[in-house]
């Protein structure tokens, strides 16, 4: 009976990786959040995995935010128009 409760609350590592990804995407339910915390508190490997995933996610989101363009340059617009005209002629 106790084993069933332990396995209900403390998920295996194979399921925790998906919960970590869901947490980073802000798509985790309250129960999943509790189960994730319970597992990560006792599993050193999953705790390290969570730190790495969070760091990678932060770095990637910062990198993509830095590269966002506000608009197109005039030469890009002219090039696009020229290509569209050429395709319309065919």
PDB file of N, CA and C in Angstrom:
ATOM      1  N   UNK A   1       0.825  -1.207   0.000  1.00  0.00           N
ATOM      2  CA  UNK A   1       0.000   0.000   0.000  1.00  0.00           C
ATOM      3  C   UNK A   1       0.863   1.263   0.000  1.00  0.00           C
ATOM      4  N   UNK A   2       1.892   1.262   0.838  1.00  0.00           N
ATOM      5  CA  UNK A   2       2.779   2.422   0.904  1.00  0.00           C
ATOM      6  C   UNK A   2       3.528   2.597  -0.414  1.00  0.00           C
ATOM      7  N   UNK A   3       3.934   1.483  -1.032  1.00  0.00           N
ATOM      8  CA  UNK A   3       4.647   1.566  -2.312  1.00  0.00           C
ATOM      9  C   UNK A   3       3.797   2.244  -3.381  1.00  0.00           C
ATOM     10  N   UNK A   4       2.511   1.984  -3.381  1.00  0.00           N
ATOM     11  CA  UNK A   4       1.624   2.617  -4.361  1.00  0.00           C
ATOM     12  C   UNK A   4       1.596   4.131  -4.168  1.00  0.00           C
ATOM     13  N   UNK A   5       1.520   4.567  -2.918  1.00  0.00           N
ATOM     14  CA  UNK A   5       1.516   6.001  -2.637  1.00  0.00           C
ATOM     15  C   UNK A   5       2.840   6.647  -3.022  1.00  0.00           C
ATOM     16  N   UNK A   6       3.922   5.952  -2.728  1.00  0.00           N
ATOM     17  CA  UNK A   6       5.240   6.488  -3.088  1.00  0.00           C
ATOM     18  C   UNK A   6       5.344   6.634  -4.598  1.00  0.00           C
ATOM     19  N   UNK A   7       4.925   5.626  -5.343  1.00  0.00           N
ATOM     20  CA  UNK A   7       4.998   5.689  -6.801  1.00  0.00           C
ATOM     21  C   UNK A   7       4.000   6.687  -7.386  1.00  0.00           C
ATOM     22  N   UNK A   8       2.931   6.970  -6.668  1.00  0.00           N
ATOM     23  CA  UNK A   8       1.986   7.978  -7.139  1.00  0.00           C
ATOM     24  C   UNK A   8       2.583   9.377  -7.012  1.00  0.00           C
ATOM     25  N   UNK A   9       3.198   9.676  -5.872  1.00  0.00           N
ATOM     26  CA  UNK A   9       3.742  11.009  -5.628  1.00  0.00           C
ATOM     27  C   UNK A   9       5.133  11.200  -6.207  1.00  0.00           C
ATOM     28  N   UNK A  10       5.973  10.183  -6.090  1.00  0.00           N
ATOM     29  CA  UNK A  10       7.345  10.277  -6.586  1.00  0.00           C
ATOM     30  C   UNK A  10       7.417   9.543  -7.915  1.00  0.00           C
ATOM     31  N   UNK A  11       7.312  10.287  -9.000  1.00  0.00           N
ATOM     32  CA  UNK A  11       7.327   9.699 -10.338  1.00  0.00           C
ATOM     33  C   UNK A  11       8.724   9.206 -10.703  1.00  0.00           C
ATOM     34  N   UNK A  12       8.821   8.270 -11.641  1.00  0.00           N
ATOM     35  CA  UNK A  12      10.142   7.823 -12.096  1.00  0.00           C
ATOM     36  C   UNK A  12      10.831   8.919 -12.922  1.00  0.00           C
ATOM     37  N   UNK A  13      12.140   8.820 -13.014  1.00  0.00           N
ATOM     38  CA  UNK A  13      12.942   9.821 -13.734  1.00  0.00           C
ATOM     39  C   UNK A  13      12.495   9.979 -15.187  1.00  0.00           C
ATOM     40  N   UNK A  14      12.061   8.902 -15.797  1.00  0.00           N
ATOM     41  CA  UNK A  14      11.650   8.966 -17.201  1.00  0.00           C
ATOM     42  C   UNK A  14      10.459   9.902 -17.411  1.00  0.00           C
ATOM     43  N   UNK A  15       9.613  10.055 -16.423  1.00  0.00           N
ATOM     44  CA  UNK A  15       8.459  10.948 -16.540  1.00  0.00           C
ATOM     45  C   UNK A  15       8.779  12.369 -16.076  1.00  0.00           C
ATOM     46  N   UNK A  16       9.797  12.499 -15.257  1.00  0.00           N
ATOM     47  CA  UNK A  16      10.157  13.806 -14.716  1.00  0.00           C
ATOM     48  C   UNK A  16      10.700  14.731 -15.796  1.00  0.00           C
ATOM     49  N   UNK A  17      11.425  14.179 -16.759  1.00  0.00           N
ATOM     50  CA  UNK A  17      11.985  15.037 -17.808  1.00  0.00           C
ATOM     51  C   UNK A  17      10.878  15.770 -18.570  1.00  0.00           C
ATOM     52  N   UNK A  18       9.769  15.108 -18.813  1.00  0.00           N
ATOM     53  CA  UNK A  18       8.644  15.756 -19.496  1.00  0.00           C
ATOM     54  C   UNK A  18       8.028  16.850 -18.616  1.00  0.00           C
ATOM     55  N   UNK A  19       7.941  16.600 -17.326  1.00  0.00           N
ATOM     56  CA  UNK A  19       7.391  17.616 -16.425  1.00  0.00           C
ATOM     57  C   UNK A  19       8.298  18.838 -16.349  1.00  0.00           C
ATOM     58  N   UNK A  20       9.601  18.617 -16.408  1.00  0.00           N
ATOM     59  CA  UNK A  20      10.547  19.736 -16.399  1.00  0.00           C
ATOM     60  C   UNK A  20      10.333  20.603 -17.638  1.00  0.00           C
ATOM     61  N   UNK A  21      10.155  19.964 -18.774  1.00  0.00           N
ATOM     62  CA  UNK A  21       9.910  20.709 -20.011  1.00  0.00           C
ATOM     63  C   UNK A  21       8.571  21.451 -19.945  1.00  0.00           C
ATOM     64  N   UNK A  22       7.545  20.809 -19.390  1.00  0.00           N
ATOM     65  CA  UNK A  22       6.245  21.460 -19.258  1.00  0.00           C
ATOM     66  C   UNK A  22       6.327  22.664 -18.322  1.00  0.00           C
ATOM     67  N   UNK A  23       7.124  22.530 -17.263  1.00  0.00           N
ATOM     68  CA  UNK A  23       7.278  23.636 -16.316  1.00  0.00           C
ATOM     69  C   UNK A  23       7.936  24.828 -17.000  1.00  0.00           C
ATOM     70  N   UNK A  24       8.955  24.587 -17.801  1.00  0.00           N
ATOM     71  CA  UNK A  24       9.625  25.678 -18.507  1.00  0.00           C
ATOM     72  C   UNK A  24       8.713  26.342 -19.529  1.00  0.00           C
ATOM     73  N   UNK A  25       7.747  25.603 -20.042  1.00  0.00           N
ATOM     74  CA  UNK A  25       6.787  26.159 -21.001  1.00  0.00           C
ATOM     75  C   UNK A  25       5.549  26.723 -20.298  1.00  0.00           C
ATOM     76  N   UNK A  26       5.549  26.716 -18.968  1.00  0.00           N
ATOM     77  CA  UNK A  26       4.421  27.197 -18.157  1.00  0.00           C
ATOM     78  C   UNK A  26       3.125  26.469 -18.478  1.00  0.00           C
ATOM     79  N   UNK A  27       3.214  25.158 -18.670  1.00  0.00           N
ATOM     80  CA  UNK A  27       2.032  24.350 -18.973  1.00  0.00           C
ATOM     81  C   UNK A  27       1.864  23.222 -17.959  1.00  0.00           C
ATOM     82  N   UNK A  28       2.299  23.433 -16.743  1.00  0.00           N
ATOM     83  CA  UNK A  28       2.271  22.380 -15.733  1.00  0.00           C
ATOM     84  C   UNK A  28       1.096  22.613 -14.779  1.00  0.00           C
ATOM     85  N   UNK A  29       0.433  21.526 -14.403  1.00  0.00           N
ATOM     86  CA  UNK A  29      -0.687  21.629 -13.468  1.00  0.00           C
ATOM     87  C   UNK A  29      -0.157  21.671 -12.038  1.00  0.00           C
ATOM     88  N   UNK A  30      -1.039  21.991 -11.110  1.00  0.00           N
ATOM     89  CA  UNK A  30      -0.646  22.075  -9.701  1.00  0.00           C
ATOM     90  C   UNK A  30      -0.149  20.727  -9.185  1.00  0.00           C
ATOM     91  N   UNK A  31      -0.862  19.651  -9.504  1.00  0.00           N
ATOM     92  CA  UNK A  31      -0.465  18.317  -9.048  1.00  0.00           C
ATOM     93  C   UNK A  31       0.879  17.913  -9.653  1.00  0.00           C
ATOM     94  N   UNK A  32       1.072  18.206 -10.932  1.00  0.00           N
ATOM     95  CA  UNK A  32       2.352  17.881 -11.574  1.00  0.00           C
ATOM     96  C   UNK A  32       3.492  18.663 -10.937  1.00  0.00           C
ATOM     97  N   UNK A  33       3.214  19.900 -10.559  1.00  0.00           N
ATOM     98  CA  UNK A  33       4.231  20.732  -9.922  1.00  0.00           C
ATOM     99  C   UNK A  33       4.660  20.131  -8.578  1.00  0.00           C
ATOM    100  N   UNK A  34       3.699  19.652  -7.814  1.00  0.00           N
ATOM    101  CA  UNK A  34       4.002  19.028  -6.523  1.00  0.00           C
ATOM    102  C   UNK A  34       4.808  17.751  -6.729  1.00  0.00           C
ATOM    103  N   UNK A  35       4.400  16.936  -7.693  1.00  0.00           N
ATOM    104  CA  UNK A  35       5.104  15.682  -7.966  1.00  0.00           C
ATOM    105  C   UNK A  35       6.527  15.954  -8.455  1.00  0.00           C
ATOM    106  N   UNK A  36       6.685  16.983  -9.267  1.00  0.00           N
ATOM    107  CA  UNK A  36       8.013  17.352  -9.758  1.00  0.00           C
ATOM    108  C   UNK A  36       8.910  17.775  -8.603  1.00  0.00           C
ATOM    109  N   UNK A  37       8.398  18.637  -7.730  1.00  0.00           N
ATOM    110  CA  UNK A  37       9.188  19.091  -6.581  1.00  0.00           C
ATOM    111  C   UNK A  37       9.572  17.927  -5.679  1.00  0.00           C
ATOM    112  N   UNK A  38       8.629  17.021  -5.444  1.00  0.00           N
ATOM    113  CA  UNK A  38       8.907  15.874  -4.576  1.00  0.00           C
ATOM    114  C   UNK A  38      10.024  15.020  -5.158  1.00  0.00           C
ATOM    115  N   UNK A  39       9.994  14.795  -6.456  1.00  0.00           N
ATOM    116  CA  UNK A  39      11.016  13.958  -7.091  1.00  0.00           C
ATOM    117  C   UNK A  39      12.366  14.668  -7.129  1.00  0.00           C
ATOM    118  N   UNK A  40      12.363  15.932  -7.529  1.00  0.00           N
ATOM    119  CA  UNK A  40      13.618  16.678  -7.670  1.00  0.00           C
ATOM    120  C   UNK A  40      14.302  16.865  -6.318  1.00  0.00           C
ATOM    121  N   UNK A  41      13.523  16.928  -5.239  1.00  0.00           N
ATOM    122  CA  UNK A  41      14.117  17.070  -3.908  1.00  0.00           C
ATOM    123  C   UNK A  41      14.913  15.845  -3.482  1.00  0.00           C
ATOM    124  N   UNK A  42      14.572  14.674  -4.032  1.00  0.00           N
ATOM    125  CA  UNK A  42      15.294  13.469  -3.613  1.00  0.00           C
ATOM    126  C   UNK A  42      16.223  12.912  -4.687  1.00  0.00           C
ATOM    127  N   UNK A  43      16.087  13.357  -5.929  1.00  0.00           N
ATOM    128  CA  UNK A  43      16.881  12.799  -7.029  1.00  0.00           C
ATOM    129  C   UNK A  43      17.912  13.826  -7.510  1.00  0.00           C
ATOM    130  N   UNK A  44      19.167  13.540  -7.236  1.00  0.00           N
ATOM    131  CA  UNK A  44      20.242  14.462  -7.591  1.00  0.00           C
ATOM    132  C   UNK A  44      20.396  14.612  -9.104  1.00  0.00           C
ATOM    133  N   UNK A  45      20.217  13.539  -9.846  1.00  0.00           N
ATOM    134  CA  UNK A  45      20.381  13.585 -11.302  1.00  0.00           C
ATOM    135  C   UNK A  45      19.290  14.439 -11.959  1.00  0.00           C
ATOM    136  N   UNK A  46      18.068  14.289 -11.519  1.00  0.00           N
ATOM    137  CA  UNK A  46      16.978  15.080 -12.092  1.00  0.00           C
ATOM    138  C   UNK A  46      17.093  16.549 -11.689  1.00  0.00           C
ATOM    139  N   UNK A  47      17.598  16.809 -10.500  1.00  0.00           N
ATOM    140  CA  UNK A  47      17.818  18.186 -10.065  1.00  0.00           C
ATOM    141  C   UNK A  47      18.860  18.860 -10.966  1.00  0.00           C
ATOM    142  N   UNK A  48      19.938  18.123 -11.280  1.00  0.00           N
ATOM    143  CA  UNK A  48      20.969  18.654 -12.180  1.00  0.00           C
ATOM    144  C   UNK A  48      20.403  18.862 -13.583  1.00  0.00           C
ATOM    145  N   UNK A  49      19.595  17.914 -14.050  1.00  0.00           N
ATOM    146  CA  UNK A  49      18.963  18.035 -15.371  1.00  0.00           C
ATOM    147  C   UNK A  49      18.068  19.272 -15.424  1.00  0.00           C
ATOM    148  N   UNK A  50      17.303  19.493 -14.364  1.00  0.00           N
ATOM    149  CA  UNK A  50      16.405  20.646 -14.326  1.00  0.00           C
ATOM    150  C   UNK A  50      17.196  21.953 -14.385  1.00  0.00           C
ATOM    151  N   UNK A  51      18.306  22.027 -13.671  1.00  0.00           N
ATOM    152  CA  UNK A  51      19.131  23.236 -13.699  1.00  0.00           C
ATOM    153  C   UNK A  51      19.681  23.485 -15.097  1.00  0.00           C
ATOM    154  N   UNK A  52      20.145  22.417 -15.753  1.00  0.00           N
ATOM    155  CA  UNK A  52      20.708  22.565 -17.100  1.00  0.00           C
ATOM    156  C   UNK A  52      19.642  23.004 -18.098  1.00  0.00           C
ATOM    157  N   UNK A  53      18.476  22.380 -18.035  1.00  0.00           N
ATOM    158  CA  UNK A  53      17.394  22.723 -18.962  1.00  0.00           C
ATOM    159  C   UNK A  53      16.956  24.170 -18.757  1.00  0.00           C
ATOM    160  N   UNK A  54      16.850  24.590 -17.515  1.00  0.00           N
ATOM    161  CA  UNK A  54      16.443  25.960 -17.215  1.00  0.00           C
ATOM    162  C   UNK A  54      17.476  26.954 -17.732  1.00  0.00           C
ATOM    163  N   UNK A  55      18.748  26.646 -17.531  1.00  0.00           N
ATOM    164  CA  UNK A  55      19.812  27.524 -18.012  1.00  0.00           C
ATOM    165  C   UNK A  55      19.799  27.626 -19.536  1.00  0.00           C
ATOM    166  N   UNK A  56      19.683  26.487 -20.209  1.00  0.00           N
ATOM    167  CA  UNK A  56      19.642  26.480 -21.676  1.00  0.00           C
ATOM    168  C   UNK A  56      18.438  27.268 -22.179  1.00  0.00           C
ATOM    169  N   UNK A  57      17.295  27.084 -21.539  1.00  0.00           N
ATOM    170  CA  UNK A  57      16.083  27.800 -21.939  1.00  0.00           C
ATOM    171  C   UNK A  57      16.259  29.312 -21.781  1.00  0.00           C
ATOM    172  N   UNK A  58      16.861  29.733 -20.674  1.00  0.00           N
ATOM    173  CA  UNK A  58      17.095  31.160 -20.443  1.00  0.00           C
ATOM    174  C   UNK A  58      18.052  31.735 -21.481  1.00  0.00           C
ATOM    175  N   UNK A  59      19.128  31.008 -21.769  1.00  0.00           N
ATOM    176  CA  UNK A  59      20.108  31.486 -22.747  1.00  0.00           C
ATOM    177  C   UNK A  59      19.504  31.590 -24.142  1.00  0.00           C
ATOM    178  N   UNK A  60      18.733  30.581 -24.525  1.00  0.00           N
ATOM    179  CA  UNK A  60      18.107  30.608 -25.849  1.00  0.00           C
ATOM    180  C   UNK A  60      17.070  31.720 -25.971  1.00  0.00           C
ATOM    181  N   UNK A  61      16.279  31.922 -24.941  1.00  0.00           N
ATOM    182  CA  UNK A  61      15.267  32.975 -25.017  1.00  0.00           C
ATOM    183  C   UNK A  61      15.928  34.351 -25.050  1.00  0.00           C
ATOM    184  N   UNK A  62      17.031  34.520 -24.327  1.00  0.00           N
ATOM    185  CA  UNK A  62      17.759  35.791 -24.372  1.00  0.00           C
ATOM    186  C   UNK A  62      18.351  36.006 -25.759  1.00  0.00           C
ATOM    187  N   UNK A  63      18.915  34.957 -26.329  1.00  0.00           N
ATOM    188  CA  UNK A  63      19.536  35.053 -27.649  1.00  0.00           C
ATOM    189  C   UNK A  63      18.503  35.387 -28.721  1.00  0.00           C
ATOM    190  N   UNK A  64      17.354  34.755 -28.668  1.00  0.00           N
ATOM    191  CA  UNK A  64      16.328  35.025 -29.680  1.00  0.00           C
ATOM    192  C   UNK A  64      15.731  36.414 -29.500  1.00  0.00           C
ATOM    193  N   UNK A  65      15.627  36.892 -28.270  1.00  0.00           N
ATOM    194  CA  UNK A  65      15.112  38.247 -28.045  1.00  0.00           C
ATOM    195  C   UNK A  65      16.084  39.296 -28.567  1.00  0.00           C
ATOM    196  N   UNK A  66      17.386  39.028 -28.459  1.00  0.00           N
ATOM    197  CA  UNK A  66      18.391  39.969 -28.943  1.00  0.00           C
ATOM    198  C   UNK A  66      18.380  40.075 -30.458  1.00  0.00           C
ATOM    199  N   UNK A  67      17.996  39.000 -31.143  1.00  0.00           N
ATOM    200  CA  UNK A  67      18.059  38.972 -32.599  1.00  0.00           C
ATOM    201  C   UNK A  67      16.769  39.405 -33.292  1.00  0.00           C
ATOM    202  N   UNK A  68      15.738  39.711 -32.542  1.00  0.00           N
ATOM    203  CA  UNK A  68      14.472  40.106 -33.164  1.00  0.00           C
ATOM    204  C   UNK A  68      14.657  41.411 -33.927  1.00  0.00           C
ATOM    205  N   UNK A  69      14.064  41.450 -35.110  1.00  0.00           N
ATOM    206  CA  UNK A  69      14.126  42.647 -35.942  1.00  0.00           C
ATOM    207  C   UNK A  69      12.868  43.471 -35.728  1.00  0.00           C
ATOM    208  N   UNK A  70      13.048  44.761 -35.779  1.00  0.00           N
ATOM    209  CA  UNK A  70      11.908  45.663 -35.664  1.00  0.00           C
ATOM    210  C   UNK A  70      11.185  45.822 -36.994  1.00  0.00           C
ATOM    211  N   UNK A  71      11.914  45.716 -38.094  1.00  0.00           N
ATOM    212  CA  UNK A  71      11.306  45.878 -39.403  1.00  0.00           C
ATOM    213  C   UNK A  71      12.278  45.418 -40.472  1.00  0.00           C
ATOM    214  N   UNK A  72      11.928  45.694 -41.709  1.00  0.00           N
ATOM    215  CA  UNK A  72      12.778  45.313 -42.826  1.00  0.00           C
ATOM    216  C   UNK A  72      13.531  46.540 -43.330  1.00  0.00           C
ATOM    217  N   UNK A  73      14.727  46.286 -43.811  1.00  0.00           N
ATOM    218  CA  UNK A  73      15.483  47.371 -44.429  1.00  0.00           C
ATOM    219  C   UNK A  73      14.972  47.572 -45.849  1.00  0.00           C
ATOM    220  N   UNK A  74      15.210  48.745 -46.386  1.00  0.00           N
ATOM    221  CA  UNK A  74      14.708  49.097 -47.716  1.00  0.00           C
ATOM    222  C   UNK A  74      15.224  48.140 -48.785  1.00  0.00           C
ATOM    223  N   UNK A  75      16.473  47.742 -48.682  1.00  0.00           N
ATOM    224  CA  UNK A  75      17.047  46.837 -49.687  1.00  0.00           C
ATOM    225  C   UNK A  75      16.368  45.470 -49.653  1.00  0.00           C
ATOM    226  N   UNK A  76      15.977  45.021 -48.456  1.00  0.00           N
ATOM    227  CA  UNK A  76      15.268  43.747 -48.340  1.00  0.00           C
ATOM    228  C   UNK A  76      13.889  43.834 -48.997  1.00  0.00           C
ATOM    229  N   UNK A  77      13.230  44.954 -48.818  1.00  0.00           N
ATOM    230  CA  UNK A  77      11.905  45.145 -49.419  1.00  0.00           C
ATOM    231  C   UNK A  77      12.008  45.169 -50.939  1.00  0.00           C
ATOM    232  N   UNK A  78      12.991  45.904 -51.457  1.00  0.00           N
ATOM    233  CA  UNK A  78      13.177  45.988 -52.907  1.00  0.00           C
ATOM    234  C   UNK A  78      13.517  44.623 -53.501  1.00  0.00           C
ATOM    235  N   UNK A  79      14.368  43.884 -52.808  1.00  0.00           N
ATOM    236  CA  UNK A  79      14.745  42.542 -53.271  1.00  0.00           C
ATOM    237  C   UNK A  79      13.523  41.627 -53.315  1.00  0.00           C
ATOM    238  N   UNK A  80      12.690  41.703 -52.291  1.00  0.00           N
ATOM    239  CA  UNK A  80      11.476  40.897 -52.241  1.00  0.00           C
ATOM    240  C   UNK A  80      10.532  41.259 -53.393  1.00  0.00           C
ATOM    241  N   UNK A  81      10.354  42.544 -53.619  1.00  0.00           N
ATOM    242  CA  UNK A  81       9.484  42.990 -54.716  1.00  0.00           C
ATOM    243  C   UNK A  81       9.994  42.486 -56.063  1.00  0.00           C
ATOM    244  N   UNK A  82      11.305  42.562 -56.253  1.00  0.00           N
ATOM    245  CA  UNK A  82      11.895  42.123 -57.513  1.00  0.00           C
ATOM    246  C   UNK A  82      11.666  40.627 -57.730  1.00  0.00           C
ATOM    247  N   UNK A  83      11.865  39.838 -56.689  1.00  0.00           N
ATOM    248  CA  UNK A  83      11.651  38.389 -56.810  1.00  0.00           C
ATOM    249  C   UNK A  83      10.190  38.069 -57.097  1.00  0.00           C
ATOM    250  N   UNK A  84       9.286  38.795 -56.472  1.00  0.00           N
ATOM    251  CA  UNK A  84       7.859  38.567 -56.715  1.00  0.00           C
ATOM    252  C   UNK A  84       7.484  38.907 -58.162  1.00  0.00           C
ATOM    253  N   UNK A  85       8.035  39.993 -58.691  1.00  0.00           N
ATOM    254  CA  UNK A  85       7.766  40.371 -60.080  1.00  0.00           C
ATOM    255  C   UNK A  85       8.270  39.303 -61.042  1.00  0.00           C
ATOM    256  N   UNK A  86       9.456  38.768 -60.751  1.00  0.00           N
ATOM    257  CA  UNK A  86      10.021  37.725 -61.608  1.00  0.00           C
ATOM    258  C   UNK A  86       9.161  36.469 -61.579  1.00  0.00           C
ATOM    259  N   UNK A  87       8.662  36.114 -60.418  1.00  0.00           N
ATOM    260  CA  UNK A  87       7.818  34.919 -60.301  1.00  0.00           C
ATOM    261  C   UNK A  87       6.472  35.119 -60.991  1.00  0.00           C
ATOM    262  N   UNK A  88       5.966  36.330 -60.982  1.00  0.00           N
ATOM    263  CA  UNK A  88       4.678  36.606 -61.622  1.00  0.00           C
ATOM    264  C   UNK A  88       4.789  36.563 -63.140  1.00  0.00           C
ATOM    265  N   UNK A  89       5.960  36.846 -63.679  1.00  0.00           N
ATOM    266  CA  UNK A  89       6.170  36.806 -65.125  1.00  0.00           C
ATOM    267  C   UNK A  89       6.161  35.379 -65.648  1.00  0.00           C
ATOM    268  N   UNK A  90       6.539  34.424 -64.833  1.00  0.00           N
ATOM    269  CA  UNK A  90       6.643  33.022 -65.272  1.00  0.00           C
ATOM    270  C   UNK A  90       5.315  32.375 -65.447  1.00  0.00           C
TER     271      UNK A  90
END
